[in-house]
C-alpha atoms as a PDB file:
ATOM      1  CA  MET A   1       0.000   0.000   0.000  1.00  0.00           C
ATOM      2  CA  LEU A   2       1.410   3.367  -1.000  1.00  0.00           C
ATOM      3  CA  LYS A   3       1.830   5.979   1.735  1.00  0.00           C
ATOM      4  CA  TRP A   4       0.312   9.209   0.403  1.00  0.00           C
ATOM      5  CA  GLN A   5       0.884  12.726   1.666  1.00  0.00           C
ATOM      6  CA  LYS A   6      -0.476  16.076   0.582  1.00  0.00           C
ATOM      7  CA  GLN A   7       2.067  18.637  -0.626  1.00  0.00           C
ATOM      8  CA  GLY A   8       0.375  21.873  -1.638  1.00  0.00           C
ATOM      9  CA  PRO A   9      -2.167  21.040  -4.360  1.00  0.00           C
ATOM     10  CA  ALA A  10      -0.509  17.659  -5.091  1.00  0.00           C
ATOM     11  CA  TYR A  11      -0.600  14.210  -3.524  1.00  0.00           C
ATOM     12  CA  THR A  12       2.666  12.263  -3.475  1.00  0.00           C
ATOM     13  CA  ALA A  13       3.774   8.748  -2.598  1.00  0.00           C
ATOM     14  CA  PRO A  14       7.139   6.988  -2.781  1.00  0.00           C
ATOM     15  CA  VAL A  15       7.314   4.149  -5.337  1.00  0.00           C
ATOM     16  CA  GLN A  16       9.929   1.698  -6.588  1.00  0.00           C
ATOM     17  CA  LEU A  17      10.430   1.420 -10.319  1.00  0.00           C
ATOM     18  CA  SER A  18      10.989  -1.987 -11.895  1.00  0.00           C
ATOM     19  CA  GLU A  19      14.746  -1.389 -12.189  1.00  0.00           C
ATOM     20  CA  GLY A  20      14.989  -0.686  -8.430  1.00  0.00           C
ATOM     21  CA  VAL A  21      15.083   3.104  -8.698  1.00  0.00           C
ATOM     22  CA  SER A  22      13.206   5.086  -6.044  1.00  0.00           C
ATOM     23  CA  ALA A  23      10.764   7.697  -7.309  1.00  0.00           C
ATOM     24  CA  SER A  24       7.736   9.685  -6.201  1.00  0.00           C
ATOM     25  CA  ALA A  25       4.329   9.391  -7.807  1.00  0.00           C
ATOM     26  CA  VAL A  26       2.766  12.850  -8.066  1.00  0.00           C
ATOM     27  CA  VAL A  27      -0.970  13.352  -8.590  1.00  0.00           C
ATOM     28  CA  LEU A  28      -1.807  16.933  -9.564  1.00  0.00           C
ATOM     29  CA  GLY A  29      -5.238  16.872 -11.174  1.00  0.00           C
ATOM     30  CA  PRO A  30      -7.964  14.970 -13.015  1.00  0.00           C
ATOM     31  CA  ALA A  31      -7.395  12.254 -15.601  1.00  0.00           C
ATOM     32  CA  SER A  32      -8.598  14.632 -18.321  1.00  0.00           C
ATOM     33  CA  ASN A  33      -5.318  16.554 -17.907  1.00  0.00           C
ATOM     34  CA  PRO A  34      -2.414  14.625 -19.515  1.00  0.00           C
ATOM     35  CA  LYS A  35       0.055  16.408 -17.195  1.00  0.00           C
ATOM     36  CA  ALA A  36      -1.876  15.583 -14.014  1.00  0.00           C
ATOM     37  CA  LEU A  37       0.269  12.532 -13.158  1.00  0.00           C
ATOM     38  CA  ALA A  38       4.056  12.321 -13.086  1.00  0.00           C
ATOM     39  CA  LEU A  39       6.927  10.398 -11.595  1.00  0.00           C
ATOM     40  CA  VAL A  40       9.783  12.349 -10.027  1.00  0.00           C
ATOM     41  CA  VAL A  41      13.156  10.638  -9.893  1.00  0.00           C
ATOM     42  CA  ALA A  42      16.250  11.956  -8.123  1.00  0.00           C
ATOM     43  CA  GLY A  43      19.327  12.019 -10.309  1.00  0.00           C
ATOM     44  CA  ALA A  44      22.870  13.361 -10.304  1.00  0.00           C
ATOM     45  CA  ASP A  45      21.618  16.706 -11.624  1.00  0.00           C
ATOM     46  CA  GLY A  46      18.721  17.010  -9.187  1.00  0.00           C
ATOM     47  CA  GLN A  47      15.186  15.807  -9.762  1.00  0.00           C
ATOM     48  CA  ALA A  48      13.735  14.804 -13.112  1.00  0.00           C
ATOM     49  CA  SER A  49      10.055  14.489 -13.926  1.00  0.00           C
ATOM     50  CA  ILE A  50       8.935  11.590 -16.119  1.00  0.00           C
ATOM     51  CA  PRO A  51       5.529  11.814 -17.828  1.00  0.00           C
ATOM     52  CA  PHE A  52       3.383   9.139 -16.238  1.00  0.00           C
ATOM     53  CA  ALA A  53       2.161   7.677 -19.535  1.00  0.00           C
ATOM     54  CA  GLU A  54       5.789   6.965 -20.472  1.00  0.00           C
ATOM     55  CA  ALA A  55       6.543   5.148 -17.215  1.00  0.00           C
ATOM     56  CA  THR A  56       3.572   2.865 -16.552  1.00  0.00           C
ATOM     57  CA  ASP A  57       5.571  -0.202 -17.607  1.00  0.00           C
ATOM     58  CA  ARG A  58       8.146   0.651 -14.912  1.00  0.00           C
ATOM     59  CA  LEU A  59       5.604   0.352 -12.049  1.00  0.00           C
ATOM     60  CA  SER A  60       4.056  -2.705 -10.449  1.00  0.00           C
ATOM     61  CA  MET A  61       0.413  -3.297 -11.315  1.00  0.00           C
ATOM     62  CA  ALA A  62      -0.550  -2.771  -7.652  1.00  0.00           C
ATOM     63  CA  ASP A  63       1.154   0.644  -7.543  1.00  0.00           C
ATOM     64  CA  LEU A  64      -0.337   1.623 -10.898  1.00  0.00           C
ATOM     65  CA  ILE A  65      -3.863   0.825  -9.704  1.00  0.00           C
ATOM     66  CA  GLN A  66      -3.336   2.699  -6.425  1.00  0.00           C
ATOM     67  CA  ILE A  67      -2.075   5.782  -8.268  1.00  0.00           C
ATOM     68  CA  TYR A  68      -5.050   5.827 -10.645  1.00  0.00           C
ATOM     69  CA  CYS A  69      -7.454   5.316  -7.725  1.00  0.00           C
ATOM     70  CA  MET A  70      -5.851   8.172  -5.778  1.00  0.00           C
ATOM     71  CA  GLN A  71      -6.224  10.441  -8.796  1.00  0.00           C
ATOM     72  CA  GLU A  72      -9.911   9.577  -9.011  1.00  0.00           C
ATOM     73  CA  ARG A  73     -10.445   9.974  -5.261  1.00  0.00           C
ATOM     74  CA  CYS A  74      -8.855  13.419  -5.190  1.00  0.00           C
ATOM     75  CA  PHE A  75      -9.820  14.914  -8.538  1.00  0.00           C
ATOM     76  CA  GLY A  76     -12.353  12.648 -10.243  1.00  0.00           C
ATOM     77  CA  ASN A  77     -16.105  12.777 -10.545  1.00  0.00           C
ATOM     78  CA  HIS A  78     -17.019   9.100 -10.209  1.00  0.00           C
ATOM     79  CA  GLY A  79     -17.976   9.302  -6.540  1.00  0.00           C
ATOM     80  CA  PHE A  80     -14.878   7.661  -5.039  1.00  0.00           C
ATOM     81  CA  ARG A  81     -14.598   8.529  -1.357  1.00  0.00           C
ATOM     82  CA  PRO A  82     -11.971  11.274  -0.757  1.00  0.00           C
ATOM     83  CA  PRO A  83      -8.859  10.166   1.140  1.00  0.00           C
ATOM     84  CA  GLU A  84      -9.158  10.628   4.893  1.00  0.00           C
ATOM     85  CA  GLY A  85      -6.559  12.602   6.832  1.00  0.00           C
ATOM     86  CA  LEU A  86      -4.906  14.185   3.788  1.00  0.00           C
ATOM     87  CA  GLY A  87      -6.837  17.434   3.644  1.00  0.00           C
ATOM     88  CA  ALA A  88      -8.617  16.639   0.385  1.00  0.00           C
END
């Protein structure tokens, strides 16, 4: 289970990519916005953002489902219950 936290308007959670690299999943808005999801990876030159659509094959299926569900809970309109304790 991913451990989510609210950071400003975003929701973030640490994830492990398939190659063992640590990253953060960042949920910023509704699914209708192609820039509303991203992965942030720390590198030698600081942090780099990876478009989520380009990185889905680098995440476990469980993490992928949790990220999409969090996006819907926070920004969607399908009636998912908002996350408790995160100031949604």
